[in-house]
Amino acid sequence: MKGITFPAWCGSHYVSLAELLVRLGSFGLGVTWRVEFDELVDPRCAEMERWSADGGMDTLTLLSLTTQSLQLIDAEARGFVGDKMAVVLTEVDSSLWDVRVHDERILTELRRHYPEATDL
């Protein structure tokens, strides 16, 4: 997997998990997600972990459990296509996003939206 890292804050704008899921575009629709948190900052985090323990959730379910205002701390969302890990979204201390994915086109799209992104 190749990856990029970029600030979770772009000025006063917080880049949320919900925003990243939308940025994945149609690629994200075929993904099953498992999410882990070091810190449960909201009851929705516990719900995401429950879904993850039961085999994961599709992107639309994950989107329904997160919002633009839900700020995560040390969280990792692993996306699978079948039994193969295809994407990993890691929020580091609520200040950075690390994105790893097999499809370089996804990284190109994210670099366009987040010009401060650098390669991992």
PDB file of N, CA and C in Angstrom:
ATOM      1  N   MET A   1       0.840  -1.188   0.000  1.00  0.00           N
ATOM      2  CA  MET A   1       0.000   0.000   0.000  1.00  0.00           C
ATOM      3  C   MET A   1       0.879   1.244   0.000  1.00  0.00           C
ATOM      4  N   LYS A   2       0.440   2.241  -0.731  1.00  0.00           N
ATOM      5  CA  LYS A   2       1.082   3.548  -0.701  1.00  0.00           C
ATOM      6  C   LYS A   2       0.239   4.442   0.189  1.00  0.00           C
ATOM      7  N   GLY A   3       0.852   5.532   0.664  1.00  0.00           N
ATOM      8  CA  GLY A   3       0.082   6.377   1.552  1.00  0.00           C
ATOM      9  C   GLY A   3       0.514   7.825   1.551  1.00  0.00           C
ATOM     10  N   ILE A   4      -0.347   8.632   2.154  1.00  0.00           N
ATOM     11  CA  ILE A   4      -0.089  10.051   2.355  1.00  0.00           C
ATOM     12  C   ILE A   4      -0.473  10.403   3.791  1.00  0.00           C
ATOM     13  N   THR A   5       0.039  11.530   4.242  1.00  0.00           N
ATOM     14  CA  THR A   5      -0.344  12.086   5.531  1.00  0.00           C
ATOM     15  C   THR A   5      -0.640  13.564   5.327  1.00  0.00           C
ATOM     16  N   PHE A   6      -1.602  14.077   6.075  1.00  0.00           N
ATOM     17  CA  PHE A   6      -1.944  15.495   5.979  1.00  0.00           C
ATOM     18  C   PHE A   6      -2.626  15.929   7.273  1.00  0.00           C
ATOM     19  N   PRO A   7      -2.618  17.247   7.542  1.00  0.00           N
ATOM     20  CA  PRO A   7      -3.230  17.749   8.773  1.00  0.00           C
ATOM     21  C   PRO A   7      -4.734  17.487   8.801  1.00  0.00           C
ATOM     22  N   ALA A   8      -5.228  17.128   9.977  1.00  0.00           N
ATOM     23  CA  ALA A   8      -6.671  16.947  10.156  1.00  0.00           C
ATOM     24  C   ALA A   8      -7.383  18.296  10.203  1.00  0.00           C
ATOM     25  N   TRP A   9      -6.623  19.342  10.423  1.00  0.00           N
ATOM     26  CA  TRP A   9      -7.187  20.695  10.428  1.00  0.00           C
ATOM     27  C   TRP A   9      -6.601  21.466   9.258  1.00  0.00           C
ATOM     28  N   CYS A  10      -7.458  21.961   8.387  1.00  0.00           N
ATOM     29  CA  CYS A  10      -7.059  22.827   7.274  1.00  0.00           C
ATOM     30  C   CYS A  10      -7.571  24.216   7.629  1.00  0.00           C
ATOM     31  N   GLY A  11      -6.726  25.007   8.282  1.00  0.00           N
ATOM     32  CA  GLY A  11      -7.195  26.275   8.833  1.00  0.00           C
ATOM     33  C   GLY A  11      -8.167  25.979   9.958  1.00  0.00           C
ATOM     34  N   SER A  12      -9.374  26.511   9.856  1.00  0.00           N
ATOM     35  CA  SER A  12     -10.393  26.254  10.882  1.00  0.00           C
ATOM     36  C   SER A  12     -11.306  25.086  10.505  1.00  0.00           C
ATOM     37  N   HIS A  13     -11.041  24.459   9.359  1.00  0.00           N
ATOM     38  CA  HIS A  13     -11.871  23.351   8.883  1.00  0.00           C
ATOM     39  C   HIS A  13     -11.292  22.020   9.353  1.00  0.00           C
ATOM     40  N   TYR A  14     -12.122  21.229  10.027  1.00  0.00           N
ATOM     41  CA  TYR A  14     -11.717  19.902  10.480  1.00  0.00           C
ATOM     42  C   TYR A  14     -12.068  18.870   9.409  1.00  0.00           C
ATOM     43  N   VAL A  15     -11.098  18.075   9.005  1.00  0.00           N
ATOM     44  CA  VAL A  15     -11.315  16.997   8.039  1.00  0.00           C
ATOM     45  C   VAL A  15     -11.768  15.770   8.834  1.00  0.00           C
ATOM     46  N   SER A  16     -13.020  15.425   8.697  1.00  0.00           N
ATOM     47  CA  SER A  16     -13.604  14.334   9.482  1.00  0.00           C
ATOM     48  C   SER A  16     -13.524  13.002   8.734  1.00  0.00           C
ATOM     49  N   LEU A  17     -13.794  11.942   9.471  1.00  0.00           N
ATOM     50  CA  LEU A  17     -13.901  10.623   8.850  1.00  0.00           C
ATOM     51  C   LEU A  17     -14.997  10.635   7.792  1.00  0.00           C
ATOM     52  N   ALA A  18     -16.110  11.293   8.090  1.00  0.00           N
ATOM     53  CA  ALA A  18     -17.210  11.370   7.121  1.00  0.00           C
ATOM     54  C   ALA A  18     -16.736  12.008   5.817  1.00  0.00           C
ATOM     55  N   GLU A  19     -15.972  13.079   5.917  1.00  0.00           N
ATOM     56  CA  GLU A  19     -15.466  13.750   4.719  1.00  0.00           C
ATOM     57  C   GLU A  19     -14.552  12.826   3.919  1.00  0.00           C
ATOM     58  N   LEU A  20     -13.677  12.113   4.603  1.00  0.00           N
ATOM     59  CA  LEU A  20     -12.779  11.196   3.890  1.00  0.00           C
ATOM     60  C   LEU A  20     -13.543  10.074   3.205  1.00  0.00           C
ATOM     61  N   LEU A  21     -14.562   9.560   3.866  1.00  0.00           N
ATOM     62  CA  LEU A  21     -15.369   8.503   3.243  1.00  0.00           C
ATOM     63  C   LEU A  21     -16.015   9.003   1.956  1.00  0.00           C
ATOM     64  N   VAL A  22     -16.505  10.228   1.972  1.00  0.00           N
ATOM     65  CA  VAL A  22     -17.113  10.804   0.770  1.00  0.00           C
ATOM     66  C   VAL A  22     -16.053  10.998  -0.311  1.00  0.00           C
ATOM     67  N   ARG A  23     -14.853  11.428   0.085  1.00  0.00           N
ATOM     68  CA  ARG A  23     -13.764  11.642  -0.885  1.00  0.00           C
ATOM     69  C   ARG A  23     -13.329  10.343  -1.569  1.00  0.00           C
ATOM     70  N   LEU A  24     -13.608   9.199  -0.958  1.00  0.00           N
ATOM     71  CA  LEU A  24     -13.264   7.926  -1.599  1.00  0.00           C
ATOM     72  C   LEU A  24     -14.113   7.659  -2.830  1.00  0.00           C
ATOM     73  N   GLY A  25     -15.227   8.359  -2.952  1.00  0.00           N
ATOM     74  CA  GLY A  25     -16.082   8.217  -4.124  1.00  0.00           C
ATOM     75  C   GLY A  25     -16.654   6.820  -4.262  1.00  0.00           C
ATOM     76  N   SER A  26     -16.859   6.401  -5.494  1.00  0.00           N
ATOM     77  CA  SER A  26     -17.499   5.109  -5.743  1.00  0.00           C
ATOM     78  C   SER A  26     -16.646   3.942  -5.246  1.00  0.00           C
ATOM     79  N   PHE A  27     -15.337   4.139  -5.134  1.00  0.00           N
ATOM     80  CA  PHE A  27     -14.474   3.087  -4.591  1.00  0.00           C
ATOM     81  C   PHE A  27     -14.961   2.654  -3.210  1.00  0.00           C
ATOM     82  N   GLY A  28     -15.362   3.615  -2.397  1.00  0.00           N
ATOM     83  CA  GLY A  28     -15.766   3.331  -1.029  1.00  0.00           C
ATOM     84  C   GLY A  28     -17.037   2.522  -0.899  1.00  0.00           C
ATOM     85  N   LEU A  29     -17.857   2.507  -1.930  1.00  0.00           N
ATOM     86  CA  LEU A  29     -19.144   1.815  -1.822  1.00  0.00           C
ATOM     87  C   LEU A  29     -19.007   0.304  -1.705  1.00  0.00           C
ATOM     88  N   GLY A  30     -17.928  -0.256  -2.194  1.00  0.00           N
ATOM     89  CA  GLY A  30     -17.748  -1.702  -2.123  1.00  0.00           C
ATOM     90  C   GLY A  30     -16.880  -2.158  -0.964  1.00  0.00           C
ATOM     91  N   VAL A  31     -16.683  -1.282   0.009  1.00  0.00           N
ATOM     92  CA  VAL A  31     -15.761  -1.553   1.111  1.00  0.00           C
ATOM     93  C   VAL A  31     -16.529  -1.937   2.376  1.00  0.00           C
ATOM     94  N   THR A  32     -15.994  -2.898   3.106  1.00  0.00           N
ATOM     95  CA  THR A  32     -16.494  -3.250   4.440  1.00  0.00           C
ATOM     96  C   THR A  32     -15.494  -2.714   5.456  1.00  0.00           C
ATOM     97  N   TRP A  33     -15.996  -1.971   6.436  1.00  0.00           N
ATOM     98  CA  TRP A  33     -15.140  -1.256   7.382  1.00  0.00           C
ATOM     99  C   TRP A  33     -15.112  -1.905   8.753  1.00  0.00           C
ATOM    100  N   ARG A  34     -13.931  -1.850   9.350  1.00  0.00           N
ATOM    101  CA  ARG A  34     -13.745  -2.189  10.764  1.00  0.00           C
ATOM    102  C   ARG A  34     -12.999  -1.011  11.389  1.00  0.00           C
ATOM    103  N   VAL A  35     -13.559  -0.476  12.460  1.00  0.00           N
ATOM    104  CA  VAL A  35     -13.010   0.734  13.071  1.00  0.00           C
ATOM    105  C   VAL A  35     -12.597   0.437  14.505  1.00  0.00           C
ATOM    106  N   GLU A  36     -11.437   0.951  14.886  1.00  0.00           N
ATOM    107  CA  GLU A  36     -10.938   0.826  16.258  1.00  0.00           C
ATOM    108  C   GLU A  36     -10.575   2.208  16.779  1.00  0.00           C
ATOM    109  N   PHE A  37     -10.779   2.395  18.070  1.00  0.00           N
ATOM    110  CA  PHE A  37     -10.495   3.671  18.720  1.00  0.00           C
ATOM    111  C   PHE A  37      -9.629   3.434  19.946  1.00  0.00           C
ATOM    112  N   ASP A  38      -8.650   4.305  20.168  1.00  0.00           N
ATOM    113  CA  ASP A  38      -7.920   4.291  21.431  1.00  0.00           C
ATOM    114  C   ASP A  38      -8.714   5.030  22.497  1.00  0.00           C
ATOM    115  N   GLU A  39      -9.542   5.970  22.055  1.00  0.00           N
ATOM    116  CA  GLU A  39     -10.332   6.777  22.980  1.00  0.00           C
ATOM    117  C   GLU A  39     -11.748   6.920  22.430  1.00  0.00           C
ATOM    118  N   LEU A  40     -12.730   6.477  23.208  1.00  0.00           N
ATOM    119  CA  LEU A  40     -14.134   6.594  22.790  1.00  0.00           C
ATOM    120  C   LEU A  40     -14.643   7.972  23.197  1.00  0.00           C
ATOM    121  N   VAL A  41     -14.704   8.887  22.239  1.00  0.00           N
ATOM    122  CA  VAL A  41     -15.056  10.276  22.535  1.00  0.00           C
ATOM    123  C   VAL A  41     -16.549  10.552  22.406  1.00  0.00           C
ATOM    124  N   ASP A  42     -17.296   9.561  21.939  1.00  0.00           N
ATOM    125  CA  ASP A  42     -18.713   9.754  21.657  1.00  0.00           C
ATOM    126  C   ASP A  42     -19.375   8.375  21.675  1.00  0.00           C
ATOM    127  N   PRO A  43     -20.649   8.285  22.088  1.00  0.00           N
ATOM    128  CA  PRO A  43     -21.331   6.984  22.067  1.00  0.00           C
ATOM    129  C   PRO A  43     -21.341   6.323  20.684  1.00  0.00           C
ATOM    130  N   ARG A  44     -21.283   7.125  19.636  1.00  0.00           N
ATOM    131  CA  ARG A  44     -21.265   6.558  18.282  1.00  0.00           C
ATOM    132  C   ARG A  44     -20.003   5.743  18.027  1.00  0.00           C
ATOM    133  N   CYS A  45     -18.919   6.088  18.724  1.00  0.00           N
ATOM    134  CA  CYS A  45     -17.679   5.315  18.576  1.00  0.00           C
ATOM    135  C   CYS A  45     -17.882   3.888  19.069  1.00  0.00           C
ATOM    136  N   ALA A  46     -18.565   3.740  20.195  1.00  0.00           N
ATOM    137  CA  ALA A  46     -18.850   2.396  20.715  1.00  0.00           C
ATOM    138  C   ALA A  46     -19.727   1.619  19.740  1.00  0.00           C
ATOM    139  N   GLU A  47     -20.677   2.297  19.116  1.00  0.00           N
ATOM    140  CA  GLU A  47     -21.540   1.642  18.123  1.00  0.00           C
ATOM    141  C   GLU A  47     -20.723   1.186  16.910  1.00  0.00           C
ATOM    142  N   MET A  48     -19.792   2.014  16.466  1.00  0.00           N
ATOM    143  CA  MET A  48     -18.926   1.624  15.348  1.00  0.00           C
ATOM    144  C   MET A  48     -18.085   0.406  15.717  1.00  0.00           C
ATOM    145  N   GLU A  49     -17.595   0.373  16.953  1.00  0.00           N
ATOM    146  CA  GLU A  49     -16.817  -0.790  17.390  1.00  0.00           C
ATOM    147  C   GLU A  49     -17.677  -2.047  17.455  1.00  0.00           C
ATOM    148  N   ARG A  50     -18.937  -1.914  17.868  1.00  0.00           N
ATOM    149  CA  ARG A  50     -19.837  -3.078  17.887  1.00  0.00           C
ATOM    150  C   ARG A  50     -20.044  -3.627  16.480  1.00  0.00           C
ATOM    151  N   TRP A  51     -20.308  -2.738  15.530  1.00  0.00           N
ATOM    152  CA  TRP A  51     -20.465  -3.173  14.137  1.00  0.00           C
ATOM    153  C   TRP A  51     -19.182  -3.848  13.653  1.00  0.00           C
ATOM    154  N   SER A  52     -18.040  -3.270  14.012  1.00  0.00           N
ATOM    155  CA  SER A  52     -16.751  -3.809  13.574  1.00  0.00           C
ATOM    156  C   SER A  52     -16.525  -5.212  14.111  1.00  0.00           C
ATOM    157  N   ALA A  53     -16.922  -5.460  15.350  1.00  0.00           N
ATOM    158  CA  ALA A  53     -16.754  -6.778  15.965  1.00  0.00           C
ATOM    159  C   ALA A  53     -17.647  -7.824  15.313  1.00  0.00           C
ATOM    160  N   ASP A  54     -18.745  -7.384  14.710  1.00  0.00           N
ATOM    161  CA  ASP A  54     -19.694  -8.296  14.058  1.00  0.00           C
ATOM    162  C   ASP A  54     -19.406  -8.467  12.570  1.00  0.00           C
ATOM    163  N   GLY A  55     -18.170  -8.321  12.161  1.00  0.00           N
ATOM    164  CA  GLY A  55     -17.814  -8.545  10.766  1.00  0.00           C
ATOM    165  C   GLY A  55     -17.699  -7.287   9.936  1.00  0.00           C
ATOM    166  N   GLY A  56     -17.885  -6.140  10.551  1.00  0.00           N
ATOM    167  CA  GLY A  56     -17.719  -4.884   9.839  1.00  0.00           C
ATOM    168  C   GLY A  56     -19.023  -4.304   9.336  1.00  0.00           C
ATOM    169  N   MET A  57     -18.911  -3.161   8.680  1.00  0.00           N
ATOM    170  CA  MET A  57     -20.087  -2.445   8.184  1.00  0.00           C
ATOM    171  C   MET A  57     -19.771  -1.859   6.817  1.00  0.00           C
ATOM    172  N   ASP A  58     -20.810  -1.658   6.024  1.00  0.00           N
ATOM    173  CA  ASP A  58     -20.593  -1.030   4.723  1.00  0.00           C
ATOM    174  C   ASP A  58     -20.395   0.476   4.915  1.00  0.00           C
ATOM    175  N   THR A  59     -19.988   1.141   3.858  1.00  0.00           N
ATOM    176  CA  THR A  59     -19.673   2.565   3.931  1.00  0.00           C
ATOM    177  C   THR A  59     -20.882   3.397   4.321  1.00  0.00           C
ATOM    178  N   LEU A  60     -22.049   3.073   3.803  1.00  0.00           N
ATOM    179  CA  LEU A  60     -23.236   3.864   4.134  1.00  0.00           C
ATOM    180  C   LEU A  60     -23.600   3.733   5.607  1.00  0.00           C
ATOM    181  N   THR A  61     -23.414   2.555   6.183  1.00  0.00           N
ATOM    182  CA  THR A  61     -23.653   2.391   7.624  1.00  0.00           C
ATOM    183  C   THR A  61     -22.653   3.215   8.415  1.00  0.00           C
ATOM    184  N   LEU A  62     -21.383   3.154   8.029  1.00  0.00           N
ATOM    185  CA  LEU A  62     -20.369   3.945   8.723  1.00  0.00           C
ATOM    186  C   LEU A  62     -20.674   5.433   8.608  1.00  0.00           C
ATOM    187  N   LEU A  63     -21.068   5.871   7.425  1.00  0.00           N
ATOM    188  CA  LEU A  63     -21.440   7.283   7.262  1.00  0.00           C
ATOM    189  C   LEU A  63     -22.613   7.669   8.154  1.00  0.00           C
ATOM    190  N   SER A  64     -23.543   6.754   8.359  1.00  0.00           N
ATOM    191  CA  SER A  64     -24.700   7.066   9.204  1.00  0.00           C
ATOM    192  C   SER A  64     -24.307   7.199  10.674  1.00  0.00           C
ATOM    193  N   LEU A  65     -23.166   6.654  11.047  1.00  0.00           N
ATOM    194  CA  LEU A  65     -22.717   6.708  12.436  1.00  0.00           C
ATOM    195  C   LEU A  65     -21.741   7.845  12.714  1.00  0.00           C
ATOM    196  N   THR A  66     -21.314   8.525  11.685  1.00  0.00           N
ATOM    197  CA  THR A  66     -20.377   9.630  11.872  1.00  0.00           C
ATOM    198  C   THR A  66     -20.965  10.897  11.258  1.00  0.00           C
ATOM    199  N   THR A  67     -20.431  12.024  11.660  1.00  0.00           N
ATOM    200  CA  THR A  67     -20.867  13.312  11.129  1.00  0.00           C
ATOM    201  C   THR A  67     -19.637  14.172  10.896  1.00  0.00           C
ATOM    202  N   GLN A  68     -19.843  15.285  10.236  1.00  0.00           N
ATOM    203  CA  GLN A  68     -18.743  16.218  10.005  1.00  0.00           C
ATOM    204  C   GLN A  68     -18.182  16.741  11.326  1.00  0.00           C
ATOM    205  N   SER A  69     -19.006  16.818  12.352  1.00  0.00           N
ATOM    206  CA  SER A  69     -18.551  17.395  13.624  1.00  0.00           C
ATOM    207  C   SER A  69     -17.932  16.372  14.577  1.00  0.00           C
ATOM    208  N   LEU A  70     -17.964  15.088  14.239  1.00  0.00           N
ATOM    209  CA  LEU A  70     -17.396  14.070  15.126  1.00  0.00           C
ATOM    210  C   LEU A  70     -15.882  14.036  14.958  1.00  0.00           C
ATOM    211  N   GLN A  71     -15.188  14.562  15.958  1.00  0.00           N
ATOM    212  CA  GLN A  71     -13.730  14.602  15.936  1.00  0.00           C
ATOM    213  C   GLN A  71     -13.194  13.373  16.655  1.00  0.00           C
ATOM    214  N   LEU A  72     -12.367  12.613  15.980  1.00  0.00           N
ATOM    215  CA  LEU A  72     -11.819  11.379  16.533  1.00  0.00           C
ATOM    216  C   LEU A  72     -10.421  11.614  17.093  1.00  0.00           C
ATOM    217  N   ILE A  73     -10.047  10.755  18.042  1.00  0.00           N
ATOM    218  CA  ILE A  73      -8.709  10.809  18.621  1.00  0.00           C
ATOM    219  C   ILE A  73      -8.122   9.409  18.524  1.00  0.00           C
ATOM    220  N   ASP A  74      -7.021   9.295  17.798  1.00  0.00           N
ATOM    221  CA  ASP A  74      -6.339   8.004  17.644  1.00  0.00           C
ATOM    222  C   ASP A  74      -7.309   6.896  17.233  1.00  0.00           C
ATOM    223  N   ALA A  75      -7.783   6.999  16.027  1.00  0.00           N
ATOM    224  CA  ALA A  75      -8.737   6.023  15.484  1.00  0.00           C
ATOM    225  C   ALA A  75      -8.186   5.459  14.180  1.00  0.00           C
ATOM    226  N   GLU A  76      -8.600   4.232  13.879  1.00  0.00           N
ATOM    227  CA  GLU A  76      -8.199   3.611  12.620  1.00  0.00           C
ATOM    228  C   GLU A  76      -9.390   2.907  11.998  1.00  0.00           C
ATOM    229  N   ALA A  77      -9.659   3.243  10.742  1.00  0.00           N
ATOM    230  CA  ALA A  77     -10.713   2.585   9.967  1.00  0.00           C
ATOM    231  C   ALA A  77     -10.028   1.770   8.876  1.00  0.00           C
ATOM    232  N   ARG A  78     -10.226   0.468   8.930  1.00  0.00           N
ATOM    233  CA  ARG A  78      -9.646  -0.430   7.931  1.00  0.00           C
ATOM    234  C   ARG A  78     -10.753  -0.889   7.001  1.00  0.00           C
ATOM    235  N   GLY A  79     -10.540  -0.680   5.706  1.00  0.00           N
ATOM    236  CA  GLY A  79     -11.534  -1.050   4.714  1.00  0.00           C
ATOM    237  C   GLY A  79     -11.100  -2.267   3.920  1.00  0.00           C
ATOM    238  N   PHE A  80     -12.022  -3.211   3.784  1.00  0.00           N
ATOM    239  CA  PHE A  80     -11.745  -4.469   3.097  1.00  0.00           C
ATOM    240  C   PHE A  80     -12.646  -4.619   1.878  1.00  0.00           C
ATOM    241  N   VAL A  81     -12.078  -5.155   0.816  1.00  0.00           N
ATOM    242  CA  VAL A  81     -12.844  -5.595  -0.341  1.00  0.00           C
ATOM    243  C   VAL A  81     -12.689  -7.111  -0.351  1.00  0.00           C
ATOM    244  N   GLY A  82     -13.781  -7.792  -0.054  1.00  0.00           N
ATOM    245  CA  GLY A  82     -13.687  -9.231   0.201  1.00  0.00           C
ATOM    246  C   GLY A  82     -12.893  -9.437   1.475  1.00  0.00           C
ATOM    247  N   ASP A  83     -11.868 -10.272   1.411  1.00  0.00           N
ATOM    248  CA  ASP A  83     -11.041 -10.484   2.599  1.00  0.00           C
ATOM    249  C   ASP A  83      -9.702  -9.755   2.510  1.00  0.00           C
ATOM    250  N   LYS A  84      -9.552  -8.882   1.499  1.00  0.00           N
ATOM    251  CA  LYS A  84      -8.302  -8.160   1.287  1.00  0.00           C
ATOM    252  C   LYS A  84      -8.424  -6.718   1.772  1.00  0.00           C
ATOM    253  N   MET A  85      -7.468  -6.297   2.634  1.00  0.00           N
ATOM    254  CA  MET A  85      -7.468  -4.913   3.085  1.00  0.00           C
ATOM    255  C   MET A  85      -7.140  -4.009   1.900  1.00  0.00           C
ATOM    256  N   ALA A  86      -7.989  -3.005   1.667  1.00  0.00           N
ATOM    257  CA  ALA A  86      -7.836  -2.139   0.506  1.00  0.00           C
ATOM    258  C   ALA A  86      -7.493  -0.702   0.875  1.00  0.00           C
ATOM    259  N   VAL A  87      -7.865  -0.276   2.086  1.00  0.00           N
ATOM    260  CA  VAL A  87      -7.640   1.104   2.501  1.00  0.00           C
ATOM    261  C   VAL A  87      -7.570   1.158   4.025  1.00  0.00           C
ATOM    262  N   VAL A  88      -6.694   2.041   4.521  1.00  0.00           N
ATOM    263  CA  VAL A  88      -6.590   2.277   5.960  1.00  0.00           C
ATOM    264  C   VAL A  88      -6.584   3.786   6.179  1.00  0.00           C
ATOM    265  N   LEU A  89      -7.521   4.259   6.992  1.00  0.00           N
ATOM    266  CA  LEU A  89      -7.616   5.668   7.369  1.00  0.00           C
ATOM    267  C   LEU A  89      -7.280   5.753   8.854  1.00  0.00           C
ATOM    268  N   THR A  90      -6.191   6.437   9.189  1.00  0.00           N
ATOM    269  CA  THR A  90      -5.750   6.521  10.581  1.00  0.00           C
ATOM    270  C   THR A  90      -5.699   7.978  11.004  1.00  0.00           C
ATOM    271  N   GLU A  91      -6.422   8.299  12.069  1.00  0.00           N
ATOM    272  CA  GLU A  91      -6.331   9.647  12.627  1.00  0.00           C
ATOM    273  C   GLU A  91      -5.402   9.592  13.825  1.00  0.00           C
ATOM    274  N   VAL A  92      -4.374  10.420  13.775  1.00  0.00           N
ATOM    275  CA  VAL A  92      -3.339  10.436  14.795  1.00  0.00           C
ATOM    276  C   VAL A  92      -3.548  11.648  15.696  1.00  0.00           C
ATOM    277  N   ASP A  93      -3.904  11.389  16.941  1.00  0.00           N
ATOM    278  CA  ASP A  93      -4.034  12.422  17.967  1.00  0.00           C
ATOM    279  C   ASP A  93      -4.920  13.591  17.527  1.00  0.00           C
ATOM    280  N   SER A  94      -5.909  13.311  16.711  1.00  0.00           N
ATOM    281  CA  SER A  94      -6.841  14.336  16.247  1.00  0.00           C
ATOM    282  C   SER A  94      -6.149  15.477  15.501  1.00  0.00           C
ATOM    283  N   SER A  95      -4.929  15.224  15.019  1.00  0.00           N
ATOM    284  CA  SER A  95      -4.209  16.294  14.339  1.00  0.00           C
ATOM    285  C   SER A  95      -3.729  15.923  12.938  1.00  0.00           C
ATOM    286  N   LEU A  96      -3.602  14.632  12.651  1.00  0.00           N
ATOM    287  CA  LEU A  96      -3.127  14.182  11.335  1.00  0.00           C
ATOM    288  C   LEU A  96      -3.973  13.027  10.841  1.00  0.00           C
ATOM    289  N   TRP A  97      -4.103  12.950   9.530  1.00  0.00           N
ATOM    290  CA  TRP A  97      -4.670  11.765   8.884  1.00  0.00           C
ATOM    291  C   TRP A  97      -3.567  11.078   8.102  1.00  0.00           C
ATOM    292  N   ASP A  98      -3.442   9.779   8.276  1.00  0.00           N
ATOM    293  CA  ASP A  98      -2.616   8.935   7.415  1.00  0.00           C
ATOM    294  C   ASP A  98      -3.579   8.087   6.597  1.00  0.00           C
ATOM    295  N   VAL A  99      -3.396   8.086   5.293  1.00  0.00           N
ATOM    296  CA  VAL A  99      -4.256   7.306   4.400  1.00  0.00           C
ATOM    297  C   VAL A  99      -3.366   6.367   3.601  1.00  0.00           C
ATOM    298  N   ARG A 100      -3.673   5.083   3.687  1.00  0.00           N
ATOM    299  CA  ARG A 100      -2.955   4.073   2.904  1.00  0.00           C
ATOM    300  C   ARG A 100      -3.974   3.340   2.040  1.00  0.00           C
ATOM    301  N   VAL A 101      -3.605   3.156   0.772  1.00  0.00           N
ATOM    302  CA  VAL A 101      -4.537   2.524  -0.159  1.00  0.00           C
ATOM    303  C   VAL A 101      -3.741   1.887  -1.298  1.00  0.00           C
ATOM    304  N   HIS A 102      -4.298   0.852  -1.888  1.00  0.00           N
ATOM    305  CA  HIS A 102      -3.643   0.202  -3.028  1.00  0.00           C
ATOM    306  C   HIS A 102      -3.831   0.999  -4.317  1.00  0.00           C
ATOM    307  N   ASP A 103      -4.937   1.699  -4.443  1.00  0.00           N
ATOM    308  CA  ASP A 103      -5.286   2.399  -5.681  1.00  0.00           C
ATOM    309  C   ASP A 103      -4.713   3.819  -5.666  1.00  0.00           C
ATOM    310  N   GLU A 104      -3.696   4.042  -6.466  1.00  0.00           N
ATOM    311  CA  GLU A 104      -3.024   5.342  -6.537  1.00  0.00           C
ATOM    312  C   GLU A 104      -3.981   6.469  -6.924  1.00  0.00           C
ATOM    313  N   ARG A 105      -5.047   6.151  -7.663  1.00  0.00           N
ATOM    314  CA  ARG A 105      -6.008   7.195  -8.068  1.00  0.00           C
ATOM    315  C   ARG A 105      -6.676   7.837  -6.858  1.00  0.00           C
ATOM    316  N   ILE A 106      -6.887   7.060  -5.809  1.00  0.00           N
ATOM    317  CA  ILE A 106      -7.485   7.601  -4.588  1.00  0.00           C
ATOM    318  C   ILE A 106      -6.537   8.621  -3.964  1.00  0.00           C
ATOM    319  N   LEU A 107      -5.260   8.286  -3.901  1.00  0.00           N
ATOM    320  CA  LEU A 107      -4.283   9.216  -3.334  1.00  0.00           C
ATOM    321  C   LEU A 107      -4.181  10.484  -4.168  1.00  0.00           C
ATOM    322  N   THR A 108      -4.230  10.350  -5.484  1.00  0.00           N
ATOM    323  CA  THR A 108      -4.191  11.520  -6.363  1.00  0.00           C
ATOM    324  C   THR A 108      -5.370  12.441  -6.071  1.00  0.00           C
ATOM    325  N   GLU A 109      -6.546  11.874  -5.916  1.00  0.00           N
ATOM    326  CA  GLU A 109      -7.739  12.669  -5.609  1.00  0.00           C
ATOM    327  C   GLU A 109      -7.612  13.351  -4.245  1.00  0.00           C
ATOM    328  N   LEU A 110      -7.115  12.633  -3.266  1.00  0.00           N
ATOM    329  CA  LEU A 110      -6.955  13.226  -1.935  1.00  0.00           C
ATOM    330  C   LEU A 110      -5.906  14.334  -1.944  1.00  0.00           C
ATOM    331  N   ARG A 111      -4.826  14.148  -2.688  1.00  0.00           N
ATOM    332  CA  ARG A 111      -3.807  15.205  -2.792  1.00  0.00           C
ATOM    333  C   ARG A 111      -4.401  16.475  -3.397  1.00  0.00           C
ATOM    334  N   ARG A 112      -5.318  16.318  -4.320  1.00  0.00           N
ATOM    335  CA  ARG A 112      -5.965  17.480  -4.941  1.00  0.00           C
ATOM    336  C   ARG A 112      -6.769  18.264  -3.905  1.00  0.00           C
ATOM    337  N   HIS A 113      -7.445  17.558  -3.003  1.00  0.00           N
ATOM    338  CA  HIS A 113      -8.267  18.219  -1.987  1.00  0.00           C
ATOM    339  C   HIS A 113      -7.453  18.691  -0.784  1.00  0.00           C
ATOM    340  N   TYR A 114      -6.350  18.016  -0.518  1.00  0.00           N
ATOM    341  CA  TYR A 114      -5.528  18.336   0.650  1.00  0.00           C
ATOM    342  C   TYR A 114      -4.091  18.571   0.185  1.00  0.00           C
ATOM    343  N   PRO A 115      -3.806  19.783  -0.341  1.00  0.00           N
ATOM    344  CA  PRO A 115      -2.502  20.053  -0.954  1.00  0.00           C
ATOM    345  C   PRO A 115      -1.318  19.967   0.016  1.00  0.00           C
ATOM    346  N   GLU A 116      -1.566  19.960   1.318  1.00  0.00           N
ATOM    347  CA  GLU A 116      -0.473  19.829   2.281  1.00  0.00           C
ATOM    348  C   GLU A 116      -0.054  18.369   2.473  1.00  0.00           C
ATOM    349  N   ALA A 117      -0.717  17.455   1.777  1.00  0.00           N
ATOM    350  CA  ALA A 117      -0.412  16.028   1.922  1.00  0.00           C
ATOM    351  C   ALA A 117       1.008  15.730   1.461  1.00  0.00           C
ATOM    352  N   THR A 118       1.667  14.857   2.213  1.00  0.00           N
ATOM    353  CA  THR A 118       2.995  14.378   1.844  1.00  0.00           C
ATOM    354  C   THR A 118       2.978  12.851   1.859  1.00  0.00           C
ATOM    355  N   ASP A 119       3.906  12.260   1.126  1.00  0.00           N
ATOM    356  CA  ASP A 119       3.984  10.799   1.068  1.00  0.00           C
ATOM    357  C   ASP A 119       4.429  10.233   2.405  1.00  0.00           C
ATOM    358  N   LEU A 120       3.887   9.079   2.716  1.00  0.00           N
ATOM    359  CA  LEU A 120       4.322   8.355   3.923  1.00  0.00           C
ATOM    360  C   LEU A 120       5.582   7.572   3.610  1.00  0.00           C
TER     361      LEU A 120
END
